[in-house]
Amino acid sequence: MMELYNYFRSSAAYRVRIALNLKEVAYTQLPVNLQRGEQNHPQYKQVQPQGLVPALRDQGAVLLQSLAICEYLEEAYPERSPLLPVNRVDRARVRAISEIIACDIHPVNNLRVLNYLSQCLDIGEQEKISWYQHWIEEGFLALEQLLTGEEYPGKFCFGDTPGLADLCLVPQMFNARRFGVDMAPYPELLRIESNCQSLPAFADAHPDNCSH
């Protein structure tokens, strides 16, 4: 059985939980509590030298980085709930949406960046929240525009089945609410999120349903 090094509120780990659920792959959660600094313990650094989650162990191999893990699962189980479309242009579009979230929005707002702002640059709590909200709002405005275009029709980010972009979007929406982002300007994102959350693969991966 696969083992997922996981923190329940990590959006990167949340993505992988959704992917595992969509692929119907059994896995065990190995909690790594980021708030208590467990990601910096030498034992975990042997697994993940960056001290980040998630990491996925499968048959002795340890896989890092959430999008790489999701594509690994796609290649290992292509017949189960495909995460990417068949057409290469469509695949590029789905990857672009995914990377806007995973490479542009999320990295400047993850825990280690927020901790650096407060602990090393002496940024106050309200300024830190403003930083978080700014980068979310900038990214969400672009996503809202893209996902209302003709190239991205359907119930989900692309088409009528959930895929890689959706499993990136839903965790970022969860984090946005945690930091008080006004979601009213993003009706298309809210519509897609609602469609995703109606599926057990997404609902079961929610932080409320995870090992802490």
Foldseek 3Di string as FASTA:
>chain_A
DKEKADALLDLLSLLQLLLCLQLVHDYHYDYQHVVVPSLVDPVNCVLPVVSDDIWMADPRDIHDTRVVSSVVSCVVRVPGQHQADDDPVRRVVLVVLLCLQRPQQPPCLDDVNLCCCCPVVVDDPVVSLVVNLVSLVVSLVVLLVVQVDPCADDQARRHPGHHSNRSSLLSSVVVCVVSPHDCVVRPVSVSRNVVVCVDCSSVCSRSVNDDD
